[in-house]
Amino acid sequence: MKRVCVFCGSAVGSRPAYAEAARALGREVAARGIGLVYGGGAVGLMGIAADAALQAGAEVIGVIPYGLLKREVGHGGGVEMHIVDTMHERKAKMAELSDGFVVLPGGYGTLEEAVEALTWAQLGIQNKGVVFLDVEEYWKPFLGALDHMATEGFVRPTHRPLAMHAATPGAALDALADYVAPPGTQVWLRPEQM
């Protein structure tokens, strides 16, 4: 694994554990000699993870749409910044630059990015793991909803394991390093058909 993409909030959330998990993930990425790809902001968990990775010596690549550059206060020093036109281009570029995805706590945007990465894996567009870093059980209700979708027949049992979870940054990166697409996953679309 050369780089990991981190989806996370542009806010810090209400619990100190969220910021600490973002810091720990940034440091762990650097300790393993891999790069960090993220949404390009200097604020919230995004900025915390990027700063921690930079301070520990990791390559950090930000991808941000021009329209959000000023609103999210795009990260400056040390980040290789890619400025794109749309949110769709942002997600596609982040996926192109990374070998797997770690999902920290976040809101609508974080969830949307993670679900699109899962959908791309389900359709065979990409073969990269998606791990929800379940800080203080933040993702437990969402992961339970995925279980419910599988029970009700809307997520195939072969696809439910695409959404992995881990309790620590190290366990999340280990899961990505060991990721193999579940049996039965097939290519429905090629990347150029997205």
C-alpha atoms as a PDB file:
ATOM      1  CA  MET A   1       0.000   0.000   0.000  1.00  0.00           C
ATOM      2  CA  LYS A   2       1.496   3.295  -1.154  1.00  0.00           C
ATOM      3  CA  ARG A   3      -1.206   5.778  -0.054  1.00  0.00           C
ATOM      4  CA  VAL A   4      -4.389   5.709   1.996  1.00  0.00           C
ATOM      5  CA  CYS A   5      -7.341   8.037   1.460  1.00  0.00           C
ATOM      6  CA  VAL A   6      -8.985   9.447   4.577  1.00  0.00           C
ATOM      7  CA  PHE A   7     -12.614  10.537   4.515  1.00  0.00           C
ATOM      8  CA  CYS A   8     -13.499  12.641   7.554  1.00  0.00           C
ATOM      9  CA  GLY A   9     -15.300  15.697   8.831  1.00  0.00           C
ATOM     10  CA  SER A  10     -14.486  19.339   8.230  1.00  0.00           C
ATOM     11  CA  ALA A  11     -15.598  19.789  11.864  1.00  0.00           C
ATOM     12  CA  VAL A  12     -13.949  18.308  14.959  1.00  0.00           C
ATOM     13  CA  GLY A  13     -17.130  16.870  16.460  1.00  0.00           C
ATOM     14  CA  SER A  14     -18.250  16.927  20.069  1.00  0.00           C
ATOM     15  CA  ARG A  15     -15.806  14.413  21.560  1.00  0.00           C
ATOM     16  CA  PRO A  16     -12.043  14.897  22.003  1.00  0.00           C
ATOM     17  CA  ALA A  17     -11.550  11.247  20.969  1.00  0.00           C
ATOM     18  CA  TYR A  18     -12.399  12.137  17.363  1.00  0.00           C
ATOM     19  CA  ALA A  19      -9.540  14.615  17.061  1.00  0.00           C
ATOM     20  CA  GLU A  20      -7.166  12.233  18.807  1.00  0.00           C
ATOM     21  CA  ALA A  21      -8.084   9.447  16.375  1.00  0.00           C
ATOM     22  CA  ALA A  22      -7.394  11.773  13.431  1.00  0.00           C
ATOM     23  CA  ARG A  23      -3.990  12.670  14.925  1.00  0.00           C
ATOM     24  CA  ALA A  24      -3.187   9.035  15.636  1.00  0.00           C
ATOM     25  CA  LEU A  25      -4.140   8.015  12.105  1.00  0.00           C
ATOM     26  CA  GLY A  26      -1.911  10.705  10.592  1.00  0.00           C
ATOM     27  CA  ARG A  27       1.013   9.586  12.751  1.00  0.00           C
ATOM     28  CA  GLU A  28       0.405   5.885  11.996  1.00  0.00           C
ATOM     29  CA  VAL A  29       0.300   6.543   8.247  1.00  0.00           C
ATOM     30  CA  ALA A  30       3.689   8.260   8.503  1.00  0.00           C
ATOM     31  CA  ALA A  31       5.134   5.544  10.752  1.00  0.00           C
ATOM     32  CA  ARG A  32       4.277   2.954   8.087  1.00  0.00           C
ATOM     33  CA  GLY A  33       5.901   5.007   5.340  1.00  0.00           C
ATOM     34  CA  ILE A  34       2.728   5.528   3.358  1.00  0.00           C
ATOM     35  CA  GLY A  35       1.118   8.722   2.096  1.00  0.00           C
ATOM     36  CA  LEU A  36      -2.160  10.324   3.068  1.00  0.00           C
ATOM     37  CA  VAL A  37      -4.754  11.518   0.535  1.00  0.00           C
ATOM     38  CA  TYR A  38      -7.606  13.639   1.864  1.00  0.00           C
ATOM     39  CA  GLY A  39     -10.098  16.382   1.044  1.00  0.00           C
ATOM     40  CA  GLY A  40      -7.580  19.224   1.129  1.00  0.00           C
ATOM     41  CA  GLY A  41      -8.990  21.293   3.991  1.00  0.00           C
ATOM     42  CA  ALA A  42      -7.076  22.814   6.880  1.00  0.00           C
ATOM     43  CA  VAL A  43     -10.043  22.627   9.254  1.00  0.00           C
ATOM     44  CA  GLY A  44     -11.742  19.945  11.330  1.00  0.00           C
ATOM     45  CA  LEU A  45     -10.614  16.342  11.408  1.00  0.00           C
ATOM     46  CA  MET A  46      -9.267  16.804   7.867  1.00  0.00           C
ATOM     47  CA  GLY A  47      -6.769  19.411   8.989  1.00  0.00           C
ATOM     48  CA  ILE A  48      -5.841  17.478  12.134  1.00  0.00           C
ATOM     49  CA  ALA A  49      -5.087  14.255  10.231  1.00  0.00           C
ATOM     50  CA  ALA A  50      -3.132  16.114   7.534  1.00  0.00           C
ATOM     51  CA  ASP A  51      -1.099  18.132  10.061  1.00  0.00           C
ATOM     52  CA  ALA A  52      -0.231  15.030  12.092  1.00  0.00           C
ATOM     53  CA  ALA A  53       0.883  13.145   8.983  1.00  0.00           C
ATOM     54  CA  LEU A  54       2.953  16.109   7.768  1.00  0.00           C
ATOM     55  CA  GLN A  55       4.591  16.617  11.156  1.00  0.00           C
ATOM     56  CA  ALA A  56       5.533  12.931  11.231  1.00  0.00           C
ATOM     57  CA  GLY A  57       7.081  13.138   7.750  1.00  0.00           C
ATOM     58  CA  ALA A  58       4.408  11.603   5.508  1.00  0.00           C
ATOM     59  CA  GLU A  59       3.546  12.649   1.975  1.00  0.00           C
ATOM     60  CA  VAL A  60       0.170  14.428   2.120  1.00  0.00           C
ATOM     61  CA  ILE A  61      -1.979  15.074  -0.941  1.00  0.00           C
ATOM     62  CA  GLY A  62      -5.121  17.202  -0.786  1.00  0.00           C
ATOM     63  CA  VAL A  63      -7.895  17.193  -3.389  1.00  0.00           C
ATOM     64  CA  ILE A  64     -10.390  20.037  -3.238  1.00  0.00           C
ATOM     65  CA  PRO A  65     -12.920  21.574  -5.614  1.00  0.00           C
ATOM     66  CA  TYR A  66     -12.222  25.196  -6.459  1.00  0.00           C
ATOM     67  CA  GLY A  67     -15.583  26.238  -5.002  1.00  0.00           C
ATOM     68  CA  LEU A  68     -14.663  24.812  -1.586  1.00  0.00           C
ATOM     69  CA  LEU A  69     -11.084  26.031  -1.572  1.00  0.00           C
ATOM     70  CA  LYS A  70     -11.867  29.299   0.212  1.00  0.00           C
ATOM     71  CA  ARG A  71     -14.723  27.944   2.336  1.00  0.00           C
ATOM     72  CA  GLU A  72     -12.704  25.017   3.706  1.00  0.00           C
ATOM     73  CA  VAL A  73      -9.556  27.083   3.998  1.00  0.00           C
ATOM     74  CA  GLY A  74      -7.442  24.856   1.771  1.00  0.00           C
ATOM     75  CA  HIS A  75      -4.341  23.521   3.448  1.00  0.00           C
ATOM     76  CA  GLY A  76      -1.107  25.298   2.635  1.00  0.00           C
ATOM     77  CA  GLY A  77       2.432  24.351   3.635  1.00  0.00           C
ATOM     78  CA  GLY A  78       3.677  20.911   2.743  1.00  0.00           C
ATOM     79  CA  VAL A  79       0.496  19.559   1.130  1.00  0.00           C
ATOM     80  CA  GLU A  80       0.554  18.687  -2.560  1.00  0.00           C
ATOM     81  CA  MET A  81      -2.759  20.243  -3.567  1.00  0.00           C
ATOM     82  CA  HIS A  82      -4.934  19.147  -6.502  1.00  0.00           C
ATOM     83  CA  ILE A  83      -7.701  21.625  -7.329  1.00  0.00           C
ATOM     84  CA  VAL A  84     -10.601  20.148  -9.315  1.00  0.00           C
ATOM     85  CA  ASP A  85     -13.861  21.511 -10.704  1.00  0.00           C
ATOM     86  CA  THR A  86     -16.468  19.249  -9.086  1.00  0.00           C
ATOM     87  CA  MET A  87     -17.121  17.041  -6.077  1.00  0.00           C
ATOM     88  CA  HIS A  88     -17.339  14.045  -8.409  1.00  0.00           C
ATOM     89  CA  GLU A  89     -13.862  14.821  -9.778  1.00  0.00           C
ATOM     90  CA  ARG A  90     -12.630  15.155  -6.203  1.00  0.00           C
ATOM     91  CA  LYS A  91     -13.768  11.639  -5.266  1.00  0.00           C
ATOM     92  CA  ALA A  92     -12.455  10.136  -8.496  1.00  0.00           C
ATOM     93  CA  LYS A  93      -9.047  11.800  -8.018  1.00  0.00           C
ATOM     94  CA  MET A  94      -8.837  10.718  -4.376  1.00  0.00           C
ATOM     95  CA  ALA A  95      -9.607   7.135  -5.412  1.00  0.00           C
ATOM     96  CA  GLU A  96      -7.076   7.279  -8.243  1.00  0.00           C
ATOM     97  CA  LEU A  97      -4.315   8.463  -5.895  1.00  0.00           C
ATOM     98  CA  SER A  98      -4.935   5.955  -3.102  1.00  0.00           C
ATOM     99  CA  ASP A  99      -4.882   2.224  -2.411  1.00  0.00           C
ATOM    100  CA  GLY A 100      -7.662   2.085   0.192  1.00  0.00           C
ATOM    101  CA  PHE A 101      -9.979   4.209   2.325  1.00  0.00           C
ATOM    102  CA  VAL A 102     -10.226   4.915   6.063  1.00  0.00           C
ATOM    103  CA  VAL A 103     -13.407   6.621   7.215  1.00  0.00           C
ATOM    104  CA  LEU A 104     -13.180   8.735  10.370  1.00  0.00           C
ATOM    105  CA  PRO A 105     -16.235  10.370  11.959  1.00  0.00           C
ATOM    106  CA  GLY A 106     -17.907  12.982   9.791  1.00  0.00           C
ATOM    107  CA  GLY A 107     -21.203  14.189   8.399  1.00  0.00           C
ATOM    108  CA  TYR A 108     -23.090  13.965   5.132  1.00  0.00           C
ATOM    109  CA  GLY A 109     -20.042  14.517   2.930  1.00  0.00           C
ATOM    110  CA  THR A 110     -17.977  11.891   4.715  1.00  0.00           C
ATOM    111  CA  LEU A 111     -20.792   9.374   4.538  1.00  0.00           C
ATOM    112  CA  GLU A 112     -21.427  10.133   0.860  1.00  0.00           C
ATOM    113  CA  GLU A 113     -17.748   9.643  -0.008  1.00  0.00           C
ATOM    114  CA  ALA A 114     -17.597   6.359   1.890  1.00  0.00           C
ATOM    115  CA  VAL A 115     -20.800   4.996   0.370  1.00  0.00           C
ATOM    116  CA  GLU A 116     -19.639   5.881  -3.127  1.00  0.00           C
ATOM    117  CA  ALA A 117     -16.338   4.044  -2.499  1.00  0.00           C
ATOM    118  CA  LEU A 118     -18.368   1.021  -1.318  1.00  0.00           C
ATOM    119  CA  THR A 119     -20.593   1.233  -4.391  1.00  0.00           C
ATOM    120  CA  TRP A 120     -17.550   1.361  -6.673  1.00  0.00           C
ATOM    121  CA  ALA A 121     -16.201  -1.748  -4.923  1.00  0.00           C
ATOM    122  CA  GLN A 122     -19.571  -3.515  -5.249  1.00  0.00           C
ATOM    123  CA  LEU A 123     -19.690  -2.740  -8.981  1.00  0.00           C
ATOM    124  CA  GLY A 124     -16.065  -3.756  -9.503  1.00  0.00           C
ATOM    125  CA  ILE A 125     -15.031  -0.239 -10.563  1.00  0.00           C
ATOM    126  CA  GLN A 126     -12.270  -0.360  -7.956  1.00  0.00           C
ATOM    127  CA  ASN A 127     -10.798  -3.105  -5.800  1.00  0.00           C
ATOM    128  CA  LYS A 128      -9.827  -1.158  -2.682  1.00  0.00           C
ATOM    129  CA  GLY A 129     -10.832  -1.686   0.908  1.00  0.00           C
ATOM    130  CA  VAL A 130     -13.055   0.671   2.903  1.00  0.00           C
ATOM    131  CA  VAL A 131     -12.577   0.665   6.686  1.00  0.00           C
ATOM    132  CA  PHE A 132     -14.727   2.642   9.113  1.00  0.00           C
ATOM    133  CA  LEU A 133     -12.578   3.717  12.071  1.00  0.00           C
ATOM    134  CA  ASP A 134     -15.226   3.253  14.743  1.00  0.00           C
ATOM    135  CA  VAL A 135     -14.073   5.855  17.263  1.00  0.00           C
ATOM    136  CA  GLU A 136     -16.274   5.734  20.382  1.00  0.00           C
ATOM    137  CA  GLU A 137     -18.656   3.531  18.326  1.00  0.00           C
ATOM    138  CA  TYR A 138     -19.464   6.502  16.086  1.00  0.00           C
ATOM    139  CA  TRP A 139     -20.156   4.253  13.079  1.00  0.00           C
ATOM    140  CA  LYS A 140     -21.978   1.509  15.018  1.00  0.00           C
ATOM    141  CA  PRO A 141     -25.507   2.708  14.035  1.00  0.00           C
ATOM    142  CA  PHE A 142     -24.493   2.997  10.370  1.00  0.00           C
ATOM    143  CA  LEU A 143     -22.858  -0.432  10.341  1.00  0.00           C
ATOM    144  CA  GLY A 144     -26.032  -1.778  11.972  1.00  0.00           C
ATOM    145  CA  ALA A 145     -28.048  -0.203   9.158  1.00  0.00           C
ATOM    146  CA  LEU A 146     -25.865  -2.042   6.639  1.00  0.00           C
ATOM    147  CA  ASP A 147     -26.536  -5.299   8.491  1.00  0.00           C
ATOM    148  CA  HIS A 148     -30.266  -4.511   8.317  1.00  0.00           C
ATOM    149  CA  MET A 149     -30.013  -3.846   4.565  1.00  0.00           C
ATOM    150  CA  ALA A 150     -28.342  -7.222   4.118  1.00  0.00           C
ATOM    151  CA  THR A 151     -30.960  -8.983   6.276  1.00  0.00           C
ATOM    152  CA  GLU A 152     -33.740  -7.356   4.250  1.00  0.00           C
ATOM    153  CA  GLY A 153     -32.204  -8.428   0.939  1.00  0.00           C
ATOM    154  CA  PHE A 154     -30.967  -5.066  -0.359  1.00  0.00           C
ATOM    155  CA  VAL A 155     -27.253  -5.677   0.189  1.00  0.00           C
ATOM    156  CA  ARG A 156     -25.996  -9.055  -0.975  1.00  0.00           C
ATOM    157  CA  PRO A 157     -24.338 -11.133   1.750  1.00  0.00           C
ATOM    158  CA  THR A 158     -21.209 -11.238  -0.452  1.00  0.00           C
ATOM    159  CA  HIS A 159     -21.120  -7.408  -0.505  1.00  0.00           C
ATOM    160  CA  ARG A 160     -21.739  -6.663   3.190  1.00  0.00           C
ATOM    161  CA  PRO A 161     -18.063  -7.393   4.091  1.00  0.00           C
ATOM    162  CA  LEU A 162     -16.989  -4.554   1.776  1.00  0.00           C
ATOM    163  CA  ALA A 163     -17.675  -2.164   4.685  1.00  0.00           C
ATOM    164  CA  MET A 164     -15.036  -3.152   7.218  1.00  0.00           C
ATOM    165  CA  HIS A 165     -14.553  -1.589  10.628  1.00  0.00           C
ATOM    166  CA  ALA A 166     -11.681  -1.206  13.070  1.00  0.00           C
ATOM    167  CA  ALA A 167     -11.239   0.223  16.547  1.00  0.00           C
ATOM    168  CA  THR A 168      -7.754   1.709  16.095  1.00  0.00           C
ATOM    169  CA  PRO A 169      -5.798   3.395  13.300  1.00  0.00           C
ATOM    170  CA  GLY A 170      -3.307   0.518  13.259  1.00  0.00           C
ATOM    171  CA  ALA A 171      -6.073  -2.056  12.902  1.00  0.00           C
ATOM    172  CA  ALA A 172      -7.655  -0.001  10.104  1.00  0.00           C
ATOM    173  CA  LEU A 173      -4.392   0.151   8.148  1.00  0.00           C
ATOM    174  CA  ASP A 174      -3.798  -3.574   8.756  1.00  0.00           C
ATOM    175  CA  ALA A 175      -7.268  -4.335   7.359  1.00  0.00           C
ATOM    176  CA  LEU A 176      -6.496  -2.316   4.229  1.00  0.00           C
ATOM    177  CA  ALA A 177      -3.117  -3.979   3.779  1.00  0.00           C
ATOM    178  CA  ASP A 178      -4.753  -7.417   4.000  1.00  0.00           C
ATOM    179  CA  TYR A 179      -7.839  -6.556   1.920  1.00  0.00           C
ATOM    180  CA  VAL A 180      -8.978  -9.003  -0.734  1.00  0.00           C
ATOM    181  CA  ALA A 181     -12.302  -8.471  -2.509  1.00  0.00           C
ATOM    182  CA  PRO A 182     -14.941 -10.863  -1.146  1.00  0.00           C
ATOM    183  CA  PRO A 183     -15.714 -13.937  -3.269  1.00  0.00           C
ATOM    184  CA  GLY A 184     -18.539 -13.258  -5.686  1.00  0.00           C
ATOM    185  CA  THR A 185     -17.609  -9.628  -6.321  1.00  0.00           C
ATOM    186  CA  GLN A 186     -17.635  -9.084 -10.047  1.00  0.00           C
ATOM    187  CA  VAL A 187     -16.995  -6.247 -12.477  1.00  0.00           C
ATOM    188  CA  TRP A 188     -20.274  -4.592 -13.480  1.00  0.00           C
ATOM    189  CA  LEU A 189     -18.759  -1.368 -14.804  1.00  0.00           C
ATOM    190  CA  ARG A 190     -15.316  -0.258 -15.892  1.00  0.00           C
ATOM    191  CA  PRO A 191     -13.954   3.000 -14.397  1.00  0.00           C
ATOM    192  CA  GLU A 192     -14.581   4.918 -17.631  1.00  0.00           C
ATOM    193  CA  GLN A 193     -18.286   3.961 -17.438  1.00  0.00           C
ATOM    194  CA  MET A 194     -18.878   5.704 -14.089  1.00  0.00           C
END
